[in-house]
Amino acid sequence: MDIIRPEMLTGEITRWDLLPLSFLKKSAYTGSKGALRYRIEKAVEEIPSGADASGEPQVKEITLLRVSTWNGPNAFDLTPAEEIRQKDFDFTDEALYNDIVSYLNEQRKMTQSV
């Protein structure tokens, strides 16, 4: 007997639709819900952090989760770059399971209204 969760009836994306950070540390994850396609991947950005004692510029690396969304039916690699929307989030479980889930559901609703 299958268990039916409420989000299955509404079409919402939930934390159970996403893979954990341990997977995202090594590989990108792609998924879809209706016409929305999405990709979640680890991104490393370098930001300036001043200079050291000798005056050499220093950079600090920050690790982010980069979420790309686009309208289907094409895969990420076959979609023109100008049609892909991207947003960065903290590389944390909280961001993945709360902020990114909310963001994906907003994007899904926008895709449905197009």
N, C-alpha and C. Protein backbone atom coordinates (compact mmCIF):
# COMPACT_ATOMS: atom_id res chain seq x y z
N MET A 1 0.83 -1.17 0.00
CA MET A 1 0.00 0.00 0.00
C MET A 1 0.88 1.24 0.00
N ASP A 2 0.68 2.13 -0.96
CA ASP A 2 1.44 3.37 -1.05
C ASP A 2 0.87 4.41 -0.10
N ILE A 3 1.77 5.19 0.47
CA ILE A 3 1.35 6.28 1.33
C ILE A 3 1.24 7.53 0.48
N ILE A 4 0.13 8.22 0.58
CA ILE A 4 -0.06 9.46 -0.16
C ILE A 4 0.15 10.62 0.79
N ARG A 5 1.16 11.44 0.48
CA ARG A 5 1.42 12.64 1.27
C ARG A 5 0.67 13.81 0.64
N PRO A 6 0.28 14.82 1.44
CA PRO A 6 -0.49 15.96 0.90
C PRO A 6 0.17 16.65 -0.28
N GLU A 7 1.50 16.78 -0.25
CA GLU A 7 2.19 17.47 -1.34
C GLU A 7 2.10 16.71 -2.66
N MET A 8 1.83 15.41 -2.59
CA MET A 8 1.65 14.63 -3.81
C MET A 8 0.39 15.08 -4.54
N LEU A 9 -0.58 15.53 -3.80
CA LEU A 9 -1.84 15.97 -4.39
C LEU A 9 -1.74 17.40 -4.91
N THR A 10 -0.93 18.23 -4.28
CA THR A 10 -0.82 19.63 -4.69
C THR A 10 0.26 19.85 -5.73
N GLY A 11 1.16 18.92 -5.90
CA GLY A 11 2.24 19.08 -6.86
C GLY A 11 3.40 19.89 -6.32
N GLU A 12 3.41 20.14 -5.02
CA GLU A 12 4.50 20.91 -4.41
C GLU A 12 5.80 20.11 -4.41
N ILE A 13 6.91 20.83 -4.52
CA ILE A 13 8.23 20.23 -4.36
C ILE A 13 8.51 20.22 -2.85
N THR A 14 9.00 19.10 -2.35
CA THR A 14 9.30 19.00 -0.92
C THR A 14 10.76 18.61 -0.72
N ARG A 15 11.18 18.61 0.51
CA ARG A 15 12.55 18.20 0.82
C ARG A 15 12.82 16.77 0.37
N TRP A 16 11.79 15.95 0.28
CA TRP A 16 11.96 14.55 -0.13
C TRP A 16 12.24 14.43 -1.61
N ASP A 17 12.02 15.50 -2.37
CA ASP A 17 12.32 15.50 -3.81
C ASP A 17 13.79 15.80 -4.08
N LEU A 18 14.53 16.25 -3.06
CA LEU A 18 15.91 16.68 -3.25
C LEU A 18 16.87 15.70 -2.60
N LEU A 19 18.08 15.65 -3.13
CA LEU A 19 19.12 14.79 -2.56
C LEU A 19 19.91 15.57 -1.52
N PRO A 20 20.56 14.88 -0.57
CA PRO A 20 21.25 15.55 0.53
C PRO A 20 22.53 16.27 0.09
N LEU A 21 23.03 17.11 1.00
CA LEU A 21 24.26 17.85 0.73
C LEU A 21 25.43 16.93 0.42
N SER A 22 25.48 15.76 1.03
CA SER A 22 26.59 14.83 0.78
C SER A 22 26.65 14.46 -0.70
N PHE A 23 25.50 14.37 -1.37
CA PHE A 23 25.48 14.11 -2.81
C PHE A 23 25.90 15.36 -3.57
N LEU A 24 25.38 16.52 -3.16
CA LEU A 24 25.64 17.77 -3.88
C LEU A 24 27.08 18.22 -3.74
N LYS A 25 27.82 17.72 -2.75
CA LYS A 25 29.24 18.04 -2.63
C LYS A 25 30.01 17.49 -3.82
N LYS A 26 29.50 16.42 -4.41
CA LYS A 26 30.24 15.72 -5.46
C LYS A 26 29.64 15.85 -6.85
N SER A 27 28.33 16.10 -6.93
CA SER A 27 27.68 16.07 -8.23
C SER A 27 26.47 16.99 -8.25
N ALA A 28 26.12 17.45 -9.43
CA ALA A 28 24.91 18.27 -9.60
C ALA A 28 23.70 17.34 -9.62
N TYR A 29 22.56 17.90 -9.22
CA TYR A 29 21.30 17.15 -9.20
C TYR A 29 20.30 17.89 -10.07
N THR A 30 19.64 17.17 -10.96
CA THR A 30 18.61 17.79 -11.77
C THR A 30 17.27 17.11 -11.48
N GLY A 31 16.22 17.89 -11.61
CA GLY A 31 14.88 17.38 -11.38
C GLY A 31 13.86 18.19 -12.15
N SER A 32 12.62 17.78 -12.03
CA SER A 32 11.55 18.51 -12.70
C SER A 32 10.25 18.30 -11.95
N LYS A 33 9.35 19.24 -12.13
CA LYS A 33 8.00 19.15 -11.58
C LYS A 33 7.12 19.92 -12.56
N GLY A 34 6.27 19.20 -13.26
CA GLY A 34 5.46 19.84 -14.30
C GLY A 34 6.37 20.37 -15.39
N ALA A 35 6.18 21.63 -15.76
CA ALA A 35 7.00 22.24 -16.81
C ALA A 35 8.32 22.80 -16.28
N LEU A 36 8.46 22.87 -14.95
CA LEU A 36 9.69 23.41 -14.36
C LEU A 36 10.80 22.37 -14.38
N ARG A 37 11.95 22.79 -14.83
CA ARG A 37 13.16 21.98 -14.76
C ARG A 37 14.11 22.71 -13.81
N TYR A 38 14.89 21.95 -13.03
CA TYR A 38 15.83 22.61 -12.12
C TYR A 38 17.10 21.79 -11.97
N ARG A 39 18.14 22.49 -11.57
CA ARG A 39 19.46 21.89 -11.34
C ARG A 39 20.03 22.54 -10.08
N ILE A 40 20.53 21.73 -9.16
CA ILE A 40 21.15 22.22 -7.94
C ILE A 40 22.59 21.71 -7.94
N GLU A 41 23.53 22.62 -7.75
CA GLU A 41 24.94 22.22 -7.78
C GLU A 41 25.76 23.04 -6.80
N LYS A 42 26.89 22.50 -6.44
CA LYS A 42 27.85 23.19 -5.59
C LYS A 42 28.59 24.20 -6.45
N ALA A 43 28.75 25.42 -5.92
CA ALA A 43 29.51 26.46 -6.61
C ALA A 43 30.48 27.07 -5.62
N VAL A 44 31.69 27.33 -6.07
CA VAL A 44 32.69 27.96 -5.23
C VAL A 44 33.00 29.33 -5.82
N GLU A 45 32.80 30.38 -5.03
CA GLU A 45 33.05 31.75 -5.45
C GLU A 45 34.24 32.30 -4.69
N GLU A 46 35.04 33.09 -5.36
CA GLU A 46 36.15 33.77 -4.70
C GLU A 46 35.76 35.23 -4.51
N ILE A 47 35.91 35.71 -3.29
CA ILE A 47 35.60 37.10 -3.01
C ILE A 47 36.84 37.77 -2.40
N PRO A 48 37.07 39.02 -2.75
CA PRO A 48 38.23 39.72 -2.17
C PRO A 48 38.06 39.87 -0.66
N SER A 49 39.16 39.70 0.07
CA SER A 49 39.09 39.83 1.53
C SER A 49 40.21 40.71 2.06
N GLY A 50 40.52 41.76 1.32
CA GLY A 50 41.56 42.69 1.77
C GLY A 50 42.93 42.28 1.27
N ALA A 51 43.94 42.74 1.99
CA ALA A 51 45.33 42.46 1.61
C ALA A 51 46.08 41.94 2.83
N ASP A 52 47.13 41.15 2.54
CA ASP A 52 47.95 40.67 3.64
C ASP A 52 48.96 41.75 4.04
N ALA A 53 49.89 41.43 4.95
CA ALA A 53 50.85 42.41 5.47
C ALA A 53 51.76 42.97 4.38
N SER A 54 52.00 42.20 3.33
CA SER A 54 52.87 42.67 2.26
C SER A 54 52.10 43.43 1.18
N GLY A 55 50.79 43.55 1.35
CA GLY A 55 49.99 44.30 0.38
C GLY A 55 49.40 43.44 -0.73
N GLU A 56 49.69 42.14 -0.68
CA GLU A 56 49.14 41.23 -1.69
C GLU A 56 47.64 41.05 -1.46
N PRO A 57 46.85 41.14 -2.52
CA PRO A 57 45.41 40.94 -2.35
C PRO A 57 45.10 39.50 -1.93
N GLN A 58 44.16 39.36 -1.03
CA GLN A 58 43.73 38.05 -0.55
C GLN A 58 42.32 37.77 -1.04
N VAL A 59 42.06 36.51 -1.28
CA VAL A 59 40.71 36.11 -1.66
C VAL A 59 40.22 35.04 -0.70
N LYS A 60 38.93 35.03 -0.50
CA LYS A 60 38.32 34.04 0.37
C LYS A 60 37.36 33.23 -0.50
N GLU A 61 37.39 31.92 -0.35
CA GLU A 61 36.47 31.07 -1.09
C GLU A 61 35.24 30.79 -0.25
N ILE A 62 34.07 30.92 -0.87
CA ILE A 62 32.84 30.55 -0.20
C ILE A 62 32.13 29.50 -1.05
N THR A 63 31.55 28.53 -0.39
CA THR A 63 30.84 27.46 -1.07
C THR A 63 29.34 27.75 -1.00
N LEU A 64 28.70 27.67 -2.16
CA LEU A 64 27.29 27.98 -2.28
C LEU A 64 26.55 26.84 -2.94
N LEU A 65 25.24 26.87 -2.83
CA LEU A 65 24.38 26.01 -3.65
C LEU A 65 23.79 26.90 -4.74
N ARG A 66 24.05 26.58 -5.98
CA ARG A 66 23.53 27.35 -7.12
C ARG A 66 22.34 26.59 -7.70
N VAL A 67 21.21 27.27 -7.74
CA VAL A 67 19.99 26.67 -8.28
C VAL A 67 19.70 27.32 -9.63
N SER A 68 19.57 26.50 -10.64
CA SER A 68 19.20 26.97 -11.98
C SER A 68 17.81 26.44 -12.29
N THR A 69 16.95 27.30 -12.82
CA THR A 69 15.60 26.88 -13.19
C THR A 69 15.32 27.35 -14.61
N TRP A 70 14.50 26.58 -15.31
CA TRP A 70 14.09 26.93 -16.66
C TRP A 70 12.81 26.18 -16.98
N ASN A 71 12.16 26.61 -18.04
CA ASN A 71 10.94 25.95 -18.48
C ASN A 71 11.31 24.81 -19.42
N GLY A 72 10.63 23.66 -19.28
CA GLY A 72 10.90 22.49 -20.11
C GLY A 72 10.49 22.73 -21.53
N PRO A 73 10.69 21.78 -22.37
CA PRO A 73 10.98 20.38 -22.10
C PRO A 73 12.46 20.03 -22.15
N ASN A 74 13.33 20.97 -22.54
CA ASN A 74 14.73 20.64 -22.77
C ASN A 74 15.52 20.44 -21.48
N ALA A 75 16.60 19.67 -21.60
CA ALA A 75 17.53 19.46 -20.50
C ALA A 75 18.40 20.71 -20.33
N PHE A 76 19.10 20.79 -19.21
CA PHE A 76 19.95 21.94 -18.89
C PHE A 76 20.92 22.26 -20.02
N ASP A 77 21.64 21.24 -20.50
CA ASP A 77 22.67 21.46 -21.53
C ASP A 77 22.09 21.87 -22.88
N LEU A 78 20.82 21.64 -23.10
CA LEU A 78 20.19 21.97 -24.38
C LEU A 78 19.37 23.25 -24.31
N THR A 79 19.34 23.89 -23.16
CA THR A 79 18.57 25.12 -22.98
C THR A 79 19.50 26.32 -23.16
N PRO A 80 19.11 27.30 -23.97
CA PRO A 80 19.95 28.50 -24.12
C PRO A 80 20.16 29.21 -22.78
N ALA A 81 21.37 29.70 -22.57
CA ALA A 81 21.74 30.33 -21.30
C ALA A 81 20.80 31.47 -20.91
N GLU A 82 20.30 32.21 -21.88
CA GLU A 82 19.43 33.35 -21.56
C GLU A 82 18.05 32.91 -21.05
N GLU A 83 17.72 31.65 -21.17
CA GLU A 83 16.44 31.14 -20.67
C GLU A 83 16.57 30.51 -19.27
N ILE A 84 17.78 30.47 -18.74
CA ILE A 84 18.02 29.84 -17.43
C ILE A 84 18.14 30.93 -16.37
N ARG A 85 17.39 30.76 -15.30
CA ARG A 85 17.44 31.68 -14.15
C ARG A 85 18.29 31.03 -13.07
N GLN A 86 19.18 31.80 -12.44
CA GLN A 86 20.04 31.24 -11.40
C GLN A 86 19.95 32.07 -10.12
N LYS A 87 20.05 31.36 -9.00
CA LYS A 87 20.08 32.01 -7.70
C LYS A 87 20.98 31.18 -6.79
N ASP A 88 21.77 31.87 -5.96
CA ASP A 88 22.69 31.21 -5.05
C ASP A 88 22.14 31.21 -3.63
N PHE A 89 22.44 30.13 -2.90
CA PHE A 89 22.02 29.96 -1.51
C PHE A 89 23.21 29.47 -0.70
N ASP A 90 23.12 29.60 0.62
CA ASP A 90 24.15 29.05 1.51
C ASP A 90 24.23 27.54 1.32
N PHE A 91 25.43 27.00 1.52
CA PHE A 91 25.62 25.56 1.40
C PHE A 91 25.32 24.93 2.75
N THR A 92 24.04 24.89 3.11
CA THR A 92 23.61 24.33 4.39
C THR A 92 22.35 23.49 4.18
N ASP A 93 22.10 22.58 5.12
CA ASP A 93 20.86 21.80 5.07
C ASP A 93 19.65 22.71 5.17
N GLU A 94 19.74 23.72 6.04
CA GLU A 94 18.60 24.63 6.20
C GLU A 94 18.26 25.33 4.89
N ALA A 95 19.27 25.83 4.19
CA ALA A 95 19.02 26.48 2.91
C ALA A 95 18.44 25.50 1.90
N LEU A 96 18.99 24.29 1.85
CA LEU A 96 18.53 23.29 0.90
C LEU A 96 17.08 22.91 1.15
N TYR A 97 16.76 22.57 2.38
CA TYR A 97 15.44 22.01 2.67
C TYR A 97 14.37 23.05 2.97
N ASN A 98 14.75 24.30 3.21
CA ASN A 98 13.76 25.34 3.45
C ASN A 98 13.75 26.37 2.32
N ASP A 99 14.87 27.09 2.17
CA ASP A 99 14.93 28.18 1.21
C ASP A 99 14.82 27.71 -0.24
N ILE A 100 15.55 26.67 -0.58
CA ILE A 100 15.53 26.19 -1.97
C ILE A 100 14.20 25.55 -2.30
N VAL A 101 13.63 24.79 -1.39
CA VAL A 101 12.31 24.20 -1.63
C VAL A 101 11.28 25.31 -1.88
N SER A 102 11.30 26.36 -1.06
CA SER A 102 10.37 27.49 -1.25
C SER A 102 10.61 28.17 -2.59
N TYR A 103 11.88 28.41 -2.92
CA TYR A 103 12.22 29.06 -4.18
C TYR A 103 11.74 28.22 -5.38
N LEU A 104 11.98 26.91 -5.33
CA LEU A 104 11.54 26.06 -6.43
C LEU A 104 10.02 26.06 -6.58
N ASN A 105 9.31 26.08 -5.47
CA ASN A 105 7.85 26.13 -5.55
C ASN A 105 7.36 27.46 -6.10
N GLU A 106 8.04 28.57 -5.78
CA GLU A 106 7.70 29.86 -6.40
C GLU A 106 7.92 29.80 -7.91
N GLN A 107 9.04 29.24 -8.31
CA GLN A 107 9.36 29.13 -9.74
C GLN A 107 8.35 28.21 -10.44
N ARG A 108 7.95 27.15 -9.77
CA ARG A 108 6.97 26.22 -10.34
C ARG A 108 5.64 26.93 -10.59
N LYS A 109 5.21 27.74 -9.63
CA LYS A 109 3.96 28.48 -9.77
C LYS A 109 4.05 29.48 -10.92
N MET A 110 5.21 30.14 -11.07
CA MET A 110 5.39 31.08 -12.18
C MET A 110 5.36 30.34 -13.52
N THR A 111 5.92 29.16 -13.56
CA THR A 111 5.95 28.36 -14.78
C THR A 111 4.54 27.94 -15.17
N GLN A 112 3.71 27.60 -14.17
CA GLN A 112 2.33 27.19 -14.44
C GLN A 112 1.50 28.32 -15.01
N SER A 113 1.82 29.57 -14.60
CA SER A 113 1.01 30.69 -15.04
C SER A 113 1.40 31.20 -16.41
N VAL A 114 2.51 30.70 -16.96
CA VAL A 114 2.97 31.15 -18.29
C VAL A 114 2.22 30.43 -19.37
